[in-house]
Protein backbone atom coordinates (compact mmCIF):
# COMPACT_ATOMS: atom_id res chain seq x y z
CA MET A 1 -18.70 -65.93 -10.48
CA GLY A 2 -20.52 -64.39 -13.34
CA LYS A 3 -23.59 -64.33 -15.46
CA ILE A 4 -25.36 -67.45 -16.71
CA VAL A 5 -27.66 -67.28 -19.74
CA LEU A 6 -30.04 -70.26 -19.69
CA LYS A 7 -30.55 -70.37 -23.45
CA ASP A 8 -26.78 -70.84 -23.81
CA ILE A 9 -26.89 -74.09 -21.81
CA GLU A 10 -27.39 -77.13 -24.04
CA PRO A 11 -30.56 -78.97 -22.91
CA LYS A 12 -30.39 -82.66 -21.99
CA GLU A 13 -33.33 -85.01 -22.47
CA ILE A 14 -33.10 -86.87 -19.16
CA ILE A 15 -36.27 -88.87 -19.76
CA LYS A 16 -38.49 -88.84 -22.87
CA GLY A 17 -40.15 -85.44 -23.15
CA TYR A 18 -38.17 -83.84 -20.26
CA HIS A 19 -35.58 -81.38 -21.58
CA GLY A 20 -33.46 -79.86 -18.81
CA ARG A 21 -30.81 -77.18 -18.49
CA PHE A 22 -28.73 -77.46 -15.31
CA ILE A 23 -26.59 -75.22 -13.16
CA HIS A 24 -24.35 -77.15 -10.78
CA MET A 25 -22.94 -75.67 -7.61
CA ASP A 26 -20.91 -77.46 -4.93
CA THR A 27 -23.93 -78.30 -2.75
CA TYR A 28 -26.98 -78.07 -5.02
CA THR A 29 -28.22 -78.25 -8.60
CA LEU A 30 -30.75 -75.97 -10.29
CA GLY A 31 -32.80 -77.50 -13.09
CA PHE A 32 -34.88 -75.66 -15.67
CA TRP A 33 -37.20 -77.97 -17.60
CA GLU A 34 -39.32 -77.79 -20.70
CA VAL A 35 -41.70 -80.74 -20.58
CA GLU A 36 -43.88 -81.98 -23.42
CA ALA A 37 -47.60 -82.51 -22.76
CA GLY A 38 -48.25 -86.12 -21.77
CA ALA A 39 -44.64 -86.85 -20.82
CA GLU A 40 -44.39 -88.93 -17.64
CA ILE A 41 -41.65 -89.54 -15.13
CA PRO A 42 -42.26 -92.80 -13.25
CA ILE A 43 -42.37 -93.06 -9.47
CA HIS A 44 -38.80 -93.00 -8.19
CA SER A 45 -36.79 -91.73 -5.23
CA HIS A 46 -33.33 -90.35 -4.58
CA VAL A 47 -31.20 -89.03 -1.76
CA HIS A 48 -31.69 -85.43 -2.91
CA GLU A 49 -34.16 -83.08 -1.31
CA GLN A 50 -36.07 -81.42 -4.13
CA THR A 51 -38.44 -78.53 -4.74
CA THR A 52 -40.31 -78.23 -8.03
CA GLN A 53 -41.98 -75.00 -9.11
CA VAL A 54 -44.37 -74.76 -12.03
CA ILE A 55 -43.52 -71.74 -14.16
CA GLU A 56 -45.94 -72.44 -17.04
CA GLY A 57 -48.59 -75.08 -17.69
CA GLU A 58 -50.17 -77.76 -15.52
CA PHE A 59 -48.22 -80.60 -13.95
CA GLN A 60 -49.56 -83.59 -12.01
CA MET A 61 -47.22 -84.73 -9.23
CA THR A 62 -47.50 -87.69 -6.89
CA VAL A 63 -45.44 -87.57 -3.67
CA ASP A 64 -45.70 -90.33 -1.06
CA GLY A 65 -48.88 -91.62 -2.74
CA LYS A 66 -50.68 -88.25 -2.77
CA THR A 67 -51.46 -86.83 -6.24
CA GLU A 68 -52.13 -83.16 -6.92
CA ILE A 69 -52.23 -80.83 -9.93
CA TYR A 70 -49.76 -77.94 -9.78
CA THR A 71 -50.12 -74.69 -11.73
CA PRO A 72 -47.93 -71.60 -12.15
CA GLY A 73 -46.67 -70.22 -8.86
CA MET A 74 -47.12 -73.50 -6.98
CA ILE A 75 -44.19 -75.38 -5.44
CA VAL A 76 -44.01 -78.99 -4.28
CA LYS A 77 -41.53 -80.04 -1.57
CA ILE A 78 -40.07 -83.53 -1.97
CA PRO A 79 -38.12 -84.92 0.99
CA SER A 80 -35.06 -87.11 0.60
CA HIS A 81 -35.98 -90.71 -0.40
CA ALA A 82 -39.71 -89.86 -0.86
CA PRO A 83 -41.28 -91.81 -3.74
CA HIS A 84 -42.50 -89.35 -6.37
CA GLY A 85 -43.31 -89.03 -10.06
CA GLY A 86 -45.26 -86.80 -12.39
CA LYS A 87 -46.97 -86.13 -15.69
CA ALA A 88 -47.26 -82.98 -17.77
CA ILE A 89 -50.94 -82.24 -18.33
CA THR A 90 -49.97 -79.48 -20.79
CA ASN A 91 -46.63 -78.32 -22.14
CA CYS A 92 -44.83 -77.13 -19.01
CA LYS A 93 -41.89 -75.15 -17.79
CA LEU A 94 -40.64 -76.25 -14.38
CA SER A 95 -37.74 -75.32 -12.15
CA ASP A 96 -36.13 -77.68 -9.65
CA VAL A 97 -33.67 -77.32 -6.82
CA PHE A 98 -31.82 -80.49 -5.79
CA CYS A 99 -29.66 -80.73 -2.68
CA PRO A 100 -27.05 -82.18 -2.67
CA ALA A 101 -25.92 -81.56 -6.25
CA ARG A 102 -27.08 -84.04 -8.91
CA GLU A 103 -23.84 -85.61 -10.05
CA ASP A 104 -25.83 -87.80 -12.48
CA TYR A 105 -27.05 -84.68 -14.36
CA LYS A 106 -23.57 -83.30 -15.01
């Protein structure tokens, strides 16, 4: 269906310090985040399966009570309904895949 230029997508601040650009398909959503150092997303869960990849920076993620630091090239898998949350150790760039699509991010 054509080319998408990320910088042309208006970012949304979903939670303080988390600025996302989203591409919505019928069955999944891609998210591209710029996260400010120190910004936290509280422990939460949702129906969506999710993968998060660190593109730049260091990001601390807790999934099902286990906390790890993720760096560029690392991916965390988050099952449906798994409690998870995170904190940017440094300024970060992250990419997410959510399945099914995130209607709440449209």
